C-alpha atoms as a PDB file:
ATOM      1  CA  MET A   1     183.204  44.639 136.586  1.00  0.00           C
ATOM      2  CA  ARG A   2     185.351  47.629 137.523  1.00  0.00           C
ATOM      3  CA  TRP A   3     182.254  49.410 138.836  1.00  0.00           C
ATOM      4  CA  VAL A   4     180.949  46.526 140.945  1.00  0.00           C
ATOM      5  CA  ASN A   5     184.378  45.913 142.458  1.00  0.00           C
ATOM      6  CA  ASP A   6     184.779  49.573 143.457  1.00  0.00           C
ATOM      7  CA  LEU A   7     182.901  49.357 146.758  1.00  0.00           C
ATOM      8  CA  GLU A   8     183.547  53.050 147.456  1.00  0.00           C
ATOM      9  CA  ASP A   9     181.473  54.180 144.452  1.00  0.00           C
ATOM     10  CA  THR A  10     177.903  54.112 145.770  1.00  0.00           C
ATOM     11  CA  ARG A  11     176.524  57.091 143.823  1.00  0.00           C
ATOM     12  CA  THR A  12     173.727  55.034 142.241  1.00  0.00           C
ATOM     13  CA  LYS A  13     172.788  52.936 145.271  1.00  0.00           C
ATOM     14  CA  ALA A  14     169.445  54.644 145.983  1.00  0.00           C
ATOM     15  CA  GLU A  15     168.232  54.156 142.420  1.00  0.00           C
ATOM     16  CA  PHE A  16     169.708  50.799 141.380  1.00  0.00           C
ATOM     17  CA  TYR A  17     170.420  48.669 144.486  1.00  0.00           C
ATOM     18  CA  PRO A  18     168.669  50.296 147.464  1.00  0.00           C
ATOM     19  CA  ASN A  19     168.316  47.181 149.599  1.00  0.00           C
ATOM     20  CA  LEU A  20     171.590  45.393 148.874  1.00  0.00           C
ATOM     21  CA  GLY A  21     175.229  46.047 149.539  1.00  0.00           C
ATOM     22  CA  LYS A  22     177.278  46.481 146.391  1.00  0.00           C
ATOM     23  CA  ASP A  23     179.259  43.393 147.409  1.00  0.00           C
ATOM     24  CA  GLN A  24     176.029  41.353 147.047  1.00  0.00           C
ATOM     25  CA  LEU A  25     175.506  42.197 143.363  1.00  0.00           C
ATOM     26  CA  LEU A  26     177.996  39.686 141.957  1.00  0.00           C
ATOM     27  CA  GLY A  27     176.343  36.380 141.188  1.00  0.00           C
ATOM     28  CA  ASP A  28     172.587  36.737 140.861  1.00  0.00           C
ATOM     29  CA  TYR A  29     172.722  40.177 139.234  1.00  0.00           C
ATOM     30  CA  ILE A  30     176.166  40.792 137.740  1.00  0.00           C
ATOM     31  CA  ALA A  31     178.532  38.229 136.222  1.00  0.00           C
ATOM     32  CA  ALA A  32     182.066  38.649 134.951  1.00  0.00           C
ATOM     33  CA  LYS A  33     181.061  36.591 131.929  1.00  0.00           C
ATOM     34  CA  SER A  34     177.443  36.244 130.916  1.00  0.00           C
ATOM     35  CA  GLY A  35     175.096  35.666 128.029  1.00  0.00           C
ATOM     36  CA  HIS A  36     175.535  39.357 127.238  1.00  0.00           C
ATOM     37  CA  SER A  37     179.215  38.828 126.469  1.00  0.00           C
ATOM     38  CA  ARG A  38     178.331  35.733 124.412  1.00  0.00           C
ATOM     39  CA  GLY A  39     175.967  37.753 122.225  1.00  0.00           C
ATOM     40  CA  SER A  40     172.892  35.771 123.235  1.00  0.00           C
ATOM     41  CA  THR A  41     171.342  37.878 126.016  1.00  0.00           C
ATOM     42  CA  ILE A  42     169.577  41.201 125.711  1.00  0.00           C
ATOM     43  CA  ASP A  43     168.078  43.672 128.178  1.00  0.00           C
ATOM     44  CA  LEU A  44     165.074  45.612 126.903  1.00  0.00           C
ATOM     45  CA  THR A  45     161.695  47.136 127.666  1.00  0.00           C
ATOM     46  CA  LEU A  46     158.562  48.156 125.788  1.00  0.00           C
ATOM     47  CA  VAL A  47     157.552  51.629 124.655  1.00  0.00           C
ATOM     48  CA  ASP A  48     154.234  53.021 123.481  1.00  0.00           C
ATOM     49  CA  SER A  49     153.577  54.486 120.016  1.00  0.00           C
ATOM     50  CA  LYS A  50     155.110  57.808 121.128  1.00  0.00           C
ATOM     51  CA  GLY A  51     158.300  56.209 122.425  1.00  0.00           C
ATOM     52  CA  LYS A  52     157.400  56.472 126.111  1.00  0.00           C
ATOM     53  CA  GLU A  53     158.507  53.501 128.208  1.00  0.00           C
ATOM     54  CA  LEU A  54     155.696  51.418 129.650  1.00  0.00           C
ATOM     55  CA  ASP A  55     155.515  51.289 133.443  1.00  0.00           C
ATOM     56  CA  MET A  56     157.152  48.040 134.527  1.00  0.00           C
ATOM     57  CA  GLY A  57     157.030  48.745 138.253  1.00  0.00           C
ATOM     58  CA  SER A  58     160.761  49.197 138.710  1.00  0.00           C
ATOM     59  CA  PRO A  59     163.508  50.875 136.718  1.00  0.00           C
ATOM     60  CA  PHE A  60     165.640  48.897 134.289  1.00  0.00           C
ATOM     61  CA  ASP A  61     168.713  47.531 136.079  1.00  0.00           C
ATOM     62  CA  MET A  62     167.235  47.959 139.561  1.00  0.00           C
ATOM     63  CA  PHE A  63     168.806  45.111 141.511  1.00  0.00           C
ATOM     64  CA  ASP A  64     166.032  44.360 143.976  1.00  0.00           C
ATOM     65  CA  THR A  65     163.284  41.780 144.403  1.00  0.00           C
ATOM     66  CA  LEU A  66     160.882  44.457 143.107  1.00  0.00           C
ATOM     67  CA  SER A  67     162.376  43.712 139.671  1.00  0.00           C
ATOM     68  CA  ASN A  68     161.459  40.021 139.840  1.00  0.00           C
ATOM     69  CA  THR A  69     158.934  39.340 137.084  1.00  0.00           C
ATOM     70  CA  ASP A  70     156.302  38.136 139.529  1.00  0.00           C
ATOM     71  CA  ASP A  71     156.924  40.456 142.481  1.00  0.00           C
ATOM     72  CA  SER A  72     153.676  40.805 144.428  1.00  0.00           C
ATOM     73  CA  ARG A  73     154.105  44.553 145.058  1.00  0.00           C
ATOM     74  CA  ILE A  74     153.559  45.658 141.455  1.00  0.00           C
ATOM     75  CA  SER A  75     150.185  46.809 140.170  1.00  0.00           C
ATOM     76  CA  PRO A  76     148.037  44.742 137.788  1.00  0.00           C
ATOM     77  CA  SER A  77     148.931  47.064 134.872  1.00  0.00           C
ATOM     78  CA  GLN A  78     152.661  46.805 135.643  1.00  0.00           C
ATOM     79  CA  LYS A  79     152.349  43.017 135.783  1.00  0.00           C
ATOM     80  CA  ALA A  80     150.468  43.050 132.465  1.00  0.00           C
ATOM     81  CA  ASN A  81     153.279  45.099 130.898  1.00  0.00           C
ATOM     82  CA  ARG A  82     155.908  42.679 132.207  1.00  0.00           C
ATOM     83  CA  TYR A  83     153.941  39.726 130.912  1.00  0.00           C
ATOM     84  CA  LYS A  84     153.423  41.353 127.513  1.00  0.00           C
ATOM     85  CA  LEU A  85     157.208  41.736 127.193  1.00  0.00           C
ATOM     86  CA  LYS A  86     157.766  38.199 128.475  1.00  0.00           C
ATOM     87  CA  GLN A  87     155.257  36.732 125.996  1.00  0.00           C
ATOM     88  CA  LEU A  88     156.718  38.613 123.031  1.00  0.00           C
ATOM     89  CA  MET A  89     160.228  37.484 123.913  1.00  0.00           C
ATOM     90  CA  THR A  90     159.371  33.839 124.626  1.00  0.00           C
ATOM     91  CA  ASP A  91     157.406  33.706 121.363  1.00  0.00           C
ATOM     92  CA  ALA A  92     160.608  34.860 119.622  1.00  0.00           C
ATOM     93  CA  GLY A  93     162.705  32.117 121.253  1.00  0.00           C
ATOM     94  CA  PHE A  94     164.130  33.970 124.252  1.00  0.00           C
ATOM     95  CA  ALA A  95     164.095  32.596 127.811  1.00  0.00           C
ATOM     96  CA  PRO A  96     163.299  35.026 130.648  1.00  0.00           C
ATOM     97  CA  TYR A  97     165.325  35.530 133.826  1.00  0.00           C
ATOM     98  CA  SER A  98     162.813  35.679 136.670  1.00  0.00           C
ATOM     99  CA  MET A  99     164.926  38.063 138.804  1.00  0.00           C
ATOM    100  CA  GLU A 100     165.008  40.781 136.102  1.00  0.00           C
ATOM    101  CA  TRP A 101     161.871  41.532 134.053  1.00  0.00           C
ATOM    102  CA  TRP A 102     164.055  43.056 131.265  1.00  0.00           C
ATOM    103  CA  HIS A 103     166.589  40.204 130.784  1.00  0.00           C
ATOM    104  CA  PHE A 104     166.175  37.540 128.060  1.00  0.00           C
ATOM    105  CA  THR A 105     168.495  34.915 126.573  1.00  0.00           C
ATOM    106  CA  TYR A 106     168.045  33.421 123.119  1.00  0.00           C
ATOM    107  CA  GLN A 107     167.670  29.628 123.089  1.00  0.00           C
ATOM    108  CA  PRO A 108     169.585  27.723 122.001  1.00  0.00           C
ATOM    109  CA  GLN A 109     172.573  29.995 122.465  1.00  0.00           C
ATOM    110  CA  ALA A 110     174.676  30.283 119.313  1.00  0.00           C
ATOM    111  CA  TYR A 111     177.999  30.590 121.156  1.00  0.00           C
ATOM    112  CA  PRO A 112     177.506  28.903 124.564  1.00  0.00           C
ATOM    113  CA  ALA A 113     181.241  28.719 125.368  1.00  0.00           C
ATOM    114  CA  THR A 114     182.514  31.843 123.574  1.00  0.00           C
ATOM    115  CA  TYR A 115     182.894  35.264 125.195  1.00  0.00           C
ATOM    116  CA  PHE A 116     183.398  38.316 123.023  1.00  0.00           C
ATOM    117  CA  ASP A 117     185.393  41.362 124.117  1.00  0.00           C
ATOM    118  CA  PHE A 118     184.999  44.285 121.745  1.00  0.00           C
ATOM    119  CA  VAL A 119     183.433  47.726 121.866  1.00  0.00           C
ATOM    120  CA  VAL A 120     179.940  48.055 120.384  1.00  0.00           C
ATOM    121  CA  GLU A 121     179.155  51.497 119.009  1.00  0.00           C
END
């Protein structure tokens, strides 16, 4: 939250939010309290047998419509990779977030009204 509220810090704009102002990230992309801070949401990708990330068509945490699961600009192989991740996660009980191909929330949430605030190492 400190980062998103510091409108002067735009060092990562080109890579992570090229088509939005930083002031537009709160809400759809960044929340003060979210499923992440309730322990029920995870961000992840897939890697091949050598540990190389599969091409998903946009970087993780790129706040842009290109990161929407069904964005029409991605290639068929990128879409297949996104759908492979989506299928694996939904089969395991996680719900996808259509604006971020990497974002999944376990259903039902174990702590829907509890927010945790501790350092994870």
